[in-house]
């Protein structure tokens, strides 16, 4: 441990960079394969699990994180169920059209990682910052997971849109 940091903090930084990279294609409005719906939530949930484990080691109540995740999954599912989705069934491509919320949720992921690292650098006085980082990351992961699950369910019956003509 150097300056109260460990190898998992490096994983958090790399994961936050990967999350931003994965979200950029969708934020720019480009077509993507259906499997990419699950890449960003998988990274976000992995990062959230690391932060939750840090907080459980600090003896924080686990129900806070479970409740925040469950509520945000429900909110993300509502968002995914109500947003406009264009699907090219021939080439198996999709293009979600609402991207503003995704931008803000993805922007919060590196901020939450920054709170965690800043709190770790501060030592014992940084415990509230570390908790704030975790309570920021867990709802972001839940929102992304719920949104992608609802979109994946909607892919089964989505009408065909020819991307070459639109």
Protein backbone atom coordinates (compact mmCIF):
# COMPACT_ATOMS: atom_id res chain seq x y z
CA UNK A 1 0.00 0.00 0.00
CA UNK A 2 1.39 3.32 -1.12
CA UNK A 3 -0.30 6.42 0.31
CA UNK A 4 -3.19 4.21 1.52
CA UNK A 5 -3.81 3.02 -2.05
CA UNK A 6 -3.77 -0.58 -3.21
CA UNK A 7 -3.98 -2.43 -6.51
CA UNK A 8 -7.79 -2.27 -6.53
CA UNK A 9 -7.59 1.51 -6.84
CA UNK A 10 -5.69 1.03 -10.09
CA UNK A 11 -8.42 -1.38 -11.22
CA UNK A 12 -11.01 1.30 -10.35
CA UNK A 13 -9.23 3.91 -12.48
CA UNK A 14 -8.89 1.52 -15.42
CA UNK A 15 -12.51 0.46 -15.05
CA UNK A 16 -13.72 4.07 -15.01
CA UNK A 17 -11.76 4.74 -18.19
CA UNK A 18 -13.27 1.62 -19.77
CA UNK A 19 -16.79 2.70 -18.77
CA UNK A 20 -16.35 6.10 -20.39
CA UNK A 21 -14.93 4.48 -23.52
CA UNK A 22 -17.83 2.04 -23.77
CA UNK A 23 -20.40 4.79 -23.34
CA UNK A 24 -18.90 7.11 -25.94
CA UNK A 25 -20.09 5.09 -28.94
CA UNK A 26 -23.68 5.13 -27.75
CA UNK A 27 -23.53 8.78 -26.67
CA UNK A 28 -22.34 9.73 -30.16
CA UNK A 29 -25.44 8.05 -31.61
CA UNK A 30 -23.72 5.30 -33.54
CA UNK A 31 -25.18 1.89 -34.23
CA UNK A 32 -24.01 -0.96 -32.05
CA UNK A 33 -24.39 -4.69 -31.61
CA UNK A 34 -26.82 -5.92 -28.92
CA UNK A 35 -24.03 -7.42 -26.79
CA UNK A 36 -22.66 -3.91 -26.21
CA UNK A 37 -25.75 -3.16 -24.14
CA UNK A 38 -24.30 -5.34 -21.39
CA UNK A 39 -20.63 -4.29 -21.54
CA UNK A 40 -21.06 -0.91 -19.81
CA UNK A 41 -23.35 -2.20 -17.02
CA UNK A 42 -21.00 -5.13 -16.40
CA UNK A 43 -18.06 -2.77 -15.90
CA UNK A 44 -20.13 -0.44 -13.72
CA UNK A 45 -21.45 -3.26 -11.53
CA UNK A 46 -17.92 -4.62 -11.14
CA UNK A 47 -16.65 -1.22 -10.01
CA UNK A 48 -19.58 -0.84 -7.64
CA UNK A 49 -18.86 -4.24 -6.11
CA UNK A 50 -15.27 -3.24 -5.41
CA UNK A 51 -16.41 -0.04 -3.70
CA UNK A 52 -19.09 -1.87 -1.71
CA UNK A 53 -16.51 -4.38 -0.50
CA UNK A 54 -14.34 -1.49 0.69
CA UNK A 55 -17.30 -0.13 2.65
CA UNK A 56 -18.26 -3.51 4.08
CA UNK A 57 -14.69 -3.85 5.31
CA UNK A 58 -15.17 -0.47 7.03
CA UNK A 59 -18.28 -1.94 8.74
CA UNK A 60 -20.90 0.12 6.91
CA UNK A 61 -24.43 -1.36 6.84
CA UNK A 62 -24.92 -3.46 3.73
CA UNK A 63 -28.61 -2.63 3.35
CA UNK A 64 -27.77 0.95 2.25
CA UNK A 65 -26.08 -0.33 -0.85
CA UNK A 66 -28.67 -3.01 -1.56
CA UNK A 67 -31.52 -0.52 -1.28
CA UNK A 68 -29.74 2.02 -3.48
CA UNK A 69 -29.04 -0.63 -6.10
CA UNK A 70 -32.59 -2.02 -6.10
CA UNK A 71 -34.20 1.43 -6.43
CA UNK A 72 -31.86 2.45 -9.20
CA UNK A 73 -32.39 -0.80 -11.12
CA UNK A 74 -36.13 -0.09 -11.05
CA UNK A 75 -35.57 3.49 -12.23
CA UNK A 76 -33.22 2.30 -14.97
CA UNK A 77 -35.76 -0.29 -16.12
CA UNK A 78 -38.42 2.41 -16.38
CA UNK A 79 -36.01 4.54 -18.39
CA UNK A 80 -35.13 1.66 -20.70
CA UNK A 81 -38.80 0.77 -21.19
CA UNK A 82 -39.81 4.30 -22.16
CA UNK A 83 -36.97 5.41 -24.41
CA UNK A 84 -37.13 5.26 -28.19
CA UNK A 85 -35.21 2.36 -29.69
CA UNK A 86 -34.36 1.78 -33.35
CA UNK A 87 -33.40 -1.76 -34.37
CA UNK A 88 -32.16 -3.02 -37.71
CA UNK A 89 -33.24 -6.67 -37.55
CA UNK A 90 -31.40 -7.64 -40.75
CA UNK A 91 -27.93 -6.62 -39.56
CA UNK A 92 -28.68 -7.06 -35.84
CA UNK A 93 -27.84 -3.47 -34.98
CA UNK A 94 -29.52 -1.12 -32.56
CA UNK A 95 -29.46 2.59 -31.92
CA UNK A 96 -30.96 3.94 -28.68
CA UNK A 97 -31.96 7.53 -29.30
CA UNK A 98 -31.99 9.13 -25.83
CA UNK A 99 -28.42 9.70 -24.74
CA UNK A 100 -28.45 12.64 -22.34
CA UNK A 101 -29.10 10.57 -19.21
CA UNK A 102 -26.42 8.07 -20.22
CA UNK A 103 -23.92 10.93 -20.48
CA UNK A 104 -24.58 12.12 -16.92
CA UNK A 105 -24.61 8.65 -15.40
CA UNK A 106 -21.36 7.74 -17.14
CA UNK A 107 -19.80 11.03 -16.07
CA UNK A 108 -20.59 10.20 -12.44
CA UNK A 109 -18.55 6.97 -12.56
CA UNK A 110 -15.08 8.62 -12.72
CA UNK A 111 -16.26 11.18 -10.15
CA UNK A 112 -17.17 8.36 -7.75
CA UNK A 113 -13.79 6.73 -8.32
CA UNK A 114 -12.16 10.11 -7.63
CA UNK A 115 -14.04 10.34 -4.32
CA UNK A 116 -12.79 6.88 -3.37
CA UNK A 117 -9.18 7.60 -4.25
CA UNK A 118 -9.25 11.04 -2.64
CA UNK A 119 -10.74 9.57 0.52
CA UNK A 120 -8.12 6.81 0.57
CA UNK A 121 -5.34 9.38 0.19
CA UNK A 122 -6.78 11.39 3.10
CA UNK A 123 -6.56 8.38 5.38
CA UNK A 124 -9.05 7.92 8.22
CA UNK A 125 -10.41 11.45 7.74
CA UNK A 126 -11.48 10.55 4.19
CA UNK A 127 -14.04 7.92 5.22
CA UNK A 128 -17.05 10.17 4.40
CA UNK A 129 -15.62 10.82 0.93
CA UNK A 130 -15.18 7.12 0.34
CA UNK A 131 -18.77 6.47 1.43
CA UNK A 132 -19.98 9.26 -0.89
CA UNK A 133 -18.10 7.67 -3.77
CA UNK A 134 -19.72 4.31 -3.11
CA UNK A 135 -23.18 5.83 -2.73
CA UNK A 136 -22.63 7.54 -6.09
CA UNK A 137 -21.34 4.48 -7.92
CA UNK A 138 -23.99 1.99 -6.75
CA UNK A 139 -26.98 3.91 -8.18
CA UNK A 140 -25.07 4.54 -11.42
CA UNK A 141 -24.46 0.82 -11.81
CA UNK A 142 -28.08 0.05 -11.00
CA UNK A 143 -29.39 2.59 -13.50
CA UNK A 144 -27.20 1.18 -16.25
CA UNK A 145 -28.10 -2.42 -15.41
CA UNK A 146 -31.84 -1.75 -15.31
CA UNK A 147 -31.73 0.27 -18.52
CA UNK A 148 -29.85 -2.42 -20.44
CA UNK A 149 -32.09 -5.20 -19.14
CA UNK A 150 -35.22 -3.35 -20.27
CA UNK A 151 -33.69 -2.55 -23.65
CA UNK A 152 -32.63 -6.17 -24.13
CA UNK A 153 -36.16 -7.34 -23.36
CA UNK A 154 -37.57 -4.83 -25.84
CA UNK A 155 -35.19 -6.05 -28.57
CA UNK A 156 -37.19 -9.25 -28.93
CA UNK A 157 -40.25 -7.50 -30.39
CA UNK A 158 -38.80 -4.27 -31.75
CA UNK A 159 -39.96 -3.27 -35.22
CA UNK A 160 -37.43 -3.22 -38.04
CA UNK A 161 -35.86 0.11 -39.06
CA UNK A 162 -33.53 0.15 -42.05
CA UNK A 163 -30.48 2.16 -40.91
CA UNK A 164 -29.28 2.64 -44.46
CA UNK A 165 -32.38 4.70 -45.27
CA UNK A 166 -32.75 6.67 -42.05
